[in-house]
Protein backbone atom coordinates (compact mmCIF):
# COMPACT_ATOMS: atom_id res chain seq x y z
CA MET A 1 130.48 -84.90 -19.45
CA ASN A 2 133.15 -83.82 -19.70
CA VAL A 3 133.94 -80.59 -21.59
CA ALA A 4 136.50 -78.59 -22.97
CA VAL A 5 137.25 -75.55 -21.70
CA SER A 6 138.63 -73.11 -24.52
CA GLN A 7 141.55 -70.99 -24.61
CA PRO A 8 141.18 -67.29 -25.84
CA LYS A 9 142.40 -66.36 -29.00
CA PRO A 10 145.70 -64.56 -28.58
CA ILE A 11 146.41 -61.36 -29.44
CA ALA A 12 149.18 -59.13 -31.12
CA LEU A 13 151.12 -58.01 -28.42
CA ASN A 14 150.56 -53.71 -29.62
CA LEU A 15 147.44 -54.89 -28.49
CA LEU A 16 147.57 -54.99 -24.16
CA LEU A 17 146.35 -53.12 -22.49
CA ARG A 18 149.35 -50.40 -20.12
CA SER A 19 150.45 -52.05 -17.34
CA GLN A 20 149.43 -55.67 -18.74
CA ARG A 21 151.37 -59.12 -18.82
CA ALA A 22 151.31 -61.19 -20.69
CA ILE A 23 152.77 -64.36 -22.08
CA VAL A 24 154.11 -64.88 -25.45
CA SER A 25 152.07 -67.79 -27.49
CA ASP A 26 153.95 -67.15 -31.01
CA VAL A 27 155.86 -64.33 -32.86
CA ALA A 28 154.91 -64.61 -36.73
CA TRP A 29 158.50 -64.39 -37.76
CA ASP A 30 157.68 -64.43 -41.32
CA ASP A 31 156.88 -61.34 -40.93
CA LEU A 32 159.78 -59.72 -40.08
CA SER A 33 163.23 -58.56 -41.16
CA GLU A 34 165.80 -60.98 -40.24
CA PRO A 35 166.87 -58.10 -38.52
CA GLU A 36 163.47 -57.44 -36.86
CA ALA A 37 163.84 -61.66 -36.50
CA ARG A 38 167.98 -61.72 -34.84
CA ARG A 39 166.45 -58.79 -32.45
CA LEU A 40 163.90 -60.23 -30.77
CA ARG A 41 165.67 -63.31 -30.50
CA GLU A 42 168.55 -61.37 -29.02
CA LEU A 43 167.01 -60.10 -26.76
CA GLY A 44 165.20 -63.73 -25.73
CA LEU A 45 161.21 -63.39 -27.50
CA ASP A 46 159.91 -66.04 -27.76
CA GLU A 47 157.52 -68.59 -26.61
CA GLY A 48 156.45 -69.06 -23.07
CA VAL A 49 158.23 -65.82 -22.65
CA GLU A 50 156.83 -63.30 -19.90
CA VAL A 51 156.49 -59.53 -21.72
CA GLU A 52 154.67 -56.12 -20.34
CA LEU A 53 153.53 -53.10 -22.16
CA LEU A 54 154.34 -50.49 -20.64
CA HIS A 55 153.88 -47.83 -23.31
CA ARG A 56 152.89 -46.68 -26.06
CA ALA A 57 154.03 -43.23 -28.62
CA GLY A 58 150.93 -41.32 -28.88
CA MET A 59 151.75 -40.78 -32.39
CA LEU A 60 149.22 -43.26 -34.82
CA GLY A 61 151.50 -45.81 -35.31
CA GLY A 62 154.55 -44.87 -33.27
CA PRO A 63 156.84 -47.20 -31.20
CA ILE A 64 155.89 -49.01 -27.92
CA ALA A 65 157.91 -49.66 -24.50
CA CYS A 66 158.28 -53.20 -23.54
CA ARG A 67 159.25 -55.15 -20.05
CA ILE A 68 161.22 -59.14 -20.87
CA GLY A 69 162.14 -59.99 -17.91
CA ARG A 70 164.00 -57.28 -16.78
CA MET A 71 164.94 -55.26 -19.36
CA THR A 72 162.51 -52.09 -21.26
CA VAL A 73 163.15 -52.38 -24.99
CA ALA A 74 160.86 -49.87 -27.46
CA LEU A 75 159.89 -52.19 -29.95
CA ARG A 76 158.49 -50.53 -33.45
CA ARG A 77 154.62 -50.69 -33.95
CA HIS A 78 154.12 -53.60 -36.75
CA VAL A 79 156.79 -55.42 -35.07
CA ALA A 80 154.71 -55.51 -31.59
CA HIS A 81 151.92 -56.93 -34.31
CA ALA A 82 154.07 -60.38 -34.64
CA VAL A 83 154.39 -60.80 -31.39
CA HIS A 84 150.55 -63.13 -30.52
CA VAL A 85 150.19 -63.02 -26.97
CA HIS A 86 147.66 -64.84 -23.77
CA PRO A 87 146.89 -62.31 -21.71
CA LEU A 88 147.11 -63.15 -18.18
CA ALA A 89 144.49 -61.29 -15.05
CA HIS A 90 145.30 -58.72 -13.31
């Protein structure tokens, strides 16, 4: 009997728990403006990259801080929402 194990659906980067690491599964490039998309590409954020959510601003819809490789970057919440990730086990 062959049982297929389905991988959970990816979630938006801004929905990760604090200090949670994840692998980028895809980016909804069409949901971003050209400058936003260019900045993410310049930061090296693309499919297969490991990210970690470090901090979420207290205000609703505020920016988040995340680690991409060895860099710590701030992303607007709607930009982080366009980045879909697979959370890694703690």
